[in-house]
Amino acid sequence: MILPAALVVLLVLAAALLALRAGQDGEGAGASQTVRVSYVVDGDTVIVDDEEGERVHVRLIGIDTPEISHSGGPSECFGIRAARLTRSLALGRQVVLVPGRERHDRYGRLLAYVQIVGGPDDLEATLLERGAARTLAIAPNTDRAARYAELERAARRAGRGLWSACGAR
């Protein structure tokens, strides 16, 4: 009877190892889905149409772009350009949403990494590389934080985007 008990232990350990491997980058919090971007709110927030045709607000994980005014007031430096860049890269395109460990923010937006089908593998990384965003690491969605911080440092050193336009060196 020791053999069946040992087999159960091995199966449990194997299942735990597979679960750990599947979620080791933290992006296994939910199934990824392919959707179309129907509207760009600003540089780090888009609206997508999900499989049921519902509109979903998506907040890009790991970055923050300068704010734009939706009420006619002044926008932050580089905010409009960051929104335009996101629009040029994502609007009307199919994207793969990879939800983070924490799936929604306090405003109810889906928190996800965005990969453009046939385009940049990582929209957030592209915005950082071009100097249109700063890093924003909020636990538990910090799986790409180190990589994003390096991309931000490189853009800052090179004076790309907001790092030269806004005197934010």
Protein backbone atom coordinates (compact mmCIF):
# COMPACT_ATOMS: atom_id res chain seq x y z
CA MET A 1 0.00 0.00 0.00
CA ILE A 2 2.99 2.34 0.15
CA LEU A 3 3.17 2.47 -3.63
CA PRO A 4 -0.28 4.08 -4.10
CA ALA A 5 0.47 6.69 -1.40
CA ALA A 6 3.81 7.52 -3.03
CA LEU A 7 2.10 7.75 -6.41
CA VAL A 8 -0.44 10.21 -5.02
CA VAL A 9 2.37 12.33 -3.56
CA LEU A 10 4.21 12.30 -6.89
CA LEU A 11 1.07 13.27 -8.80
CA VAL A 12 0.38 16.14 -6.39
CA LEU A 13 3.98 17.37 -6.68
CA ALA A 14 3.87 17.10 -10.48
CA ALA A 15 0.62 19.08 -10.61
CA ALA A 16 2.08 21.74 -8.31
CA LEU A 17 5.20 22.00 -10.47
CA LEU A 18 3.12 22.39 -13.64
CA ALA A 19 0.98 25.07 -11.99
CA LEU A 20 4.09 26.90 -10.81
CA ARG A 21 5.65 26.79 -14.28
CA ALA A 22 2.45 27.97 -15.95
CA GLY A 23 2.18 30.95 -13.62
CA GLN A 24 5.82 31.68 -12.92
CA ASP A 25 5.73 34.93 -14.86
CA GLY A 26 2.53 35.89 -13.07
CA GLU A 27 0.62 36.21 -16.26
CA GLY A 28 -1.34 33.03 -15.83
CA ALA A 29 -3.99 34.80 -13.77
CA GLY A 30 -6.52 34.37 -16.50
CA ALA A 31 -6.79 33.22 -20.04
CA SER A 32 -5.49 35.63 -22.63
CA GLN A 33 -7.99 36.77 -25.21
CA THR A 34 -7.79 38.34 -28.63
CA VAL A 35 -9.96 41.43 -29.07
CA ARG A 36 -10.10 44.57 -31.22
CA VAL A 37 -9.19 48.02 -29.88
CA SER A 38 -12.16 50.27 -30.62
CA TYR A 39 -11.07 53.46 -28.83
CA VAL A 40 -7.96 54.94 -27.22
CA VAL A 41 -8.78 56.92 -24.08
CA ASP A 42 -5.21 58.04 -23.49
CA GLY A 43 -1.70 56.63 -23.70
CA ASP A 44 -2.25 53.87 -21.16
CA THR A 45 -5.98 53.13 -21.41
CA VAL A 46 -7.86 51.63 -24.33
CA ILE A 47 -11.36 50.32 -24.91
CA VAL A 48 -11.78 46.94 -26.57
CA ASP A 49 -14.77 44.99 -27.81
CA ASP A 50 -14.76 41.56 -26.18
CA GLU A 51 -16.08 38.28 -27.62
CA GLU A 52 -19.64 39.14 -26.55
CA GLY A 53 -19.48 42.58 -28.17
CA GLU A 54 -19.22 44.34 -24.81
CA ARG A 55 -16.92 47.34 -24.46
CA VAL A 56 -14.19 46.82 -21.88
CA HIS A 57 -11.86 49.51 -20.53
CA VAL A 58 -8.31 48.15 -20.36
CA ARG A 59 -5.53 49.77 -18.30
CA LEU A 60 -2.08 48.80 -19.53
CA ILE A 61 -0.02 47.16 -16.78
CA GLY A 62 3.35 48.50 -15.71
CA ILE A 63 3.31 51.95 -17.28
CA ASP A 64 1.89 55.41 -16.79
CA THR A 65 1.60 58.00 -19.54
CA PRO A 66 1.07 61.71 -18.99
CA GLU A 67 -2.58 62.61 -18.55
CA ILE A 68 -4.66 64.30 -21.20
CA SER A 69 -7.54 66.59 -20.44
CA HIS A 70 -10.98 65.34 -21.37
CA SER A 71 -12.65 68.50 -20.07
CA GLY A 72 -10.93 71.16 -22.17
CA GLY A 73 -8.28 72.02 -19.58
CA PRO A 74 -4.54 71.65 -20.12
CA SER A 75 -3.05 68.21 -20.65
CA GLU A 76 0.23 67.15 -19.06
CA CYS A 77 3.38 67.53 -21.12
CA PHE A 78 3.57 64.77 -23.75
CA GLY A 79 0.10 63.43 -22.86
CA ILE A 80 -1.42 64.11 -26.27
CA ARG A 81 1.61 62.69 -28.07
CA ALA A 82 1.54 59.54 -25.91
CA ALA A 83 -2.17 59.08 -26.70
CA ARG A 84 -1.48 59.59 -30.41
CA LEU A 85 1.28 56.98 -30.32
CA THR A 86 -0.99 54.45 -28.62
CA ARG A 87 -3.71 55.28 -31.14
CA SER A 88 -1.34 54.80 -34.09
CA LEU A 89 -0.13 51.45 -32.77
CA ALA A 90 -3.37 49.95 -31.47
CA LEU A 91 -6.58 51.58 -32.73
CA GLY A 92 -8.61 49.18 -34.87
CA ARG A 93 -6.04 46.43 -34.41
CA GLN A 94 -6.45 42.96 -33.02
CA VAL A 95 -4.62 42.65 -29.71
CA VAL A 96 -3.99 39.89 -27.24
CA LEU A 97 -4.82 40.85 -23.66
CA VAL A 98 -2.81 39.06 -20.98
CA PRO A 99 -4.48 39.79 -17.64
CA GLY A 100 -2.33 40.39 -14.60
CA ARG A 101 -2.58 38.65 -11.25
CA GLU A 102 -4.81 41.45 -10.07
CA ARG A 103 -7.41 41.64 -12.81
CA HIS A 104 -9.13 44.98 -12.13
CA ASP A 105 -8.21 48.36 -10.71
CA ARG A 106 -10.31 50.47 -8.37
CA TYR A 107 -12.10 51.99 -11.38
CA GLY A 108 -13.18 48.57 -12.68
CA ARG A 109 -10.80 48.60 -15.65
CA LEU A 110 -9.27 45.31 -16.75
CA LEU A 111 -5.54 45.29 -15.97
CA ALA A 112 -3.67 43.60 -18.80
CA TYR A 113 -0.51 43.49 -20.85
CA VAL A 114 -1.27 44.25 -24.49
CA GLN A 115 0.32 42.47 -27.43
CA ILE A 116 -0.57 43.75 -30.88
CA VAL A 117 -1.28 41.00 -33.40
CA GLY A 118 1.19 41.49 -36.24
CA GLY A 119 2.80 44.40 -34.39
CA PRO A 120 4.83 45.04 -31.26
CA ASP A 121 4.87 42.03 -28.94
CA ASP A 122 4.52 44.34 -25.98
CA LEU A 123 2.71 47.67 -26.35
CA GLU A 124 3.88 48.82 -22.93
CA ALA A 125 7.54 48.17 -23.82
CA THR A 126 7.14 50.08 -27.09
CA LEU A 127 5.71 53.12 -25.28
CA LEU A 128 8.58 53.02 -22.78
CA GLU A 129 11.23 52.63 -25.51
CA ARG A 130 9.87 55.65 -27.35
CA GLY A 131 9.77 57.77 -24.22
CA ALA A 132 5.98 58.06 -24.13
CA ALA A 133 5.59 56.44 -20.70
CA ARG A 134 7.12 56.00 -17.29
CA THR A 135 7.13 52.74 -15.38
CA LEU A 136 4.43 52.14 -12.80
CA ALA A 137 4.93 48.97 -10.79
CA ILE A 138 1.96 48.10 -8.59
CA ALA A 139 2.00 44.73 -6.84
CA PRO A 140 1.04 42.07 -7.56
CA ASN A 141 1.30 43.00 -11.28
CA THR A 142 5.06 43.51 -11.29
CA ASP A 143 6.18 40.62 -13.48
CA ARG A 144 7.77 42.84 -16.13
CA ALA A 145 8.82 45.68 -13.79
CA ALA A 146 12.57 45.11 -14.01
CA ARG A 147 12.53 44.95 -17.81
CA TYR A 148 10.29 48.01 -18.03
CA ALA A 149 12.55 49.97 -15.65
CA GLU A 150 15.53 49.27 -17.90
CA LEU A 151 13.60 50.41 -20.99
CA GLU A 152 12.64 53.63 -19.18
CA ARG A 153 16.28 54.25 -18.13
CA ALA A 154 17.45 53.76 -21.72
CA ALA A 155 14.83 56.18 -23.08
CA ARG A 156 15.70 58.74 -20.41
CA ARG A 157 19.45 58.46 -21.14
CA ALA A 158 18.77 58.88 -24.87
CA GLY A 159 16.41 61.82 -24.26
CA ARG A 160 13.57 60.20 -26.17
CA GLY A 161 10.00 61.49 -26.00
CA LEU A 162 8.92 63.07 -22.76
CA TRP A 163 12.46 62.86 -21.39
CA SER A 164 13.55 65.72 -23.66
CA ALA A 165 10.22 67.41 -24.42
CA CYS A 166 9.21 67.89 -20.80
CA GLY A 167 12.51 68.61 -19.08
CA ALA A 168 11.96 65.42 -17.07
CA ARG A 169 15.50 64.09 -17.11
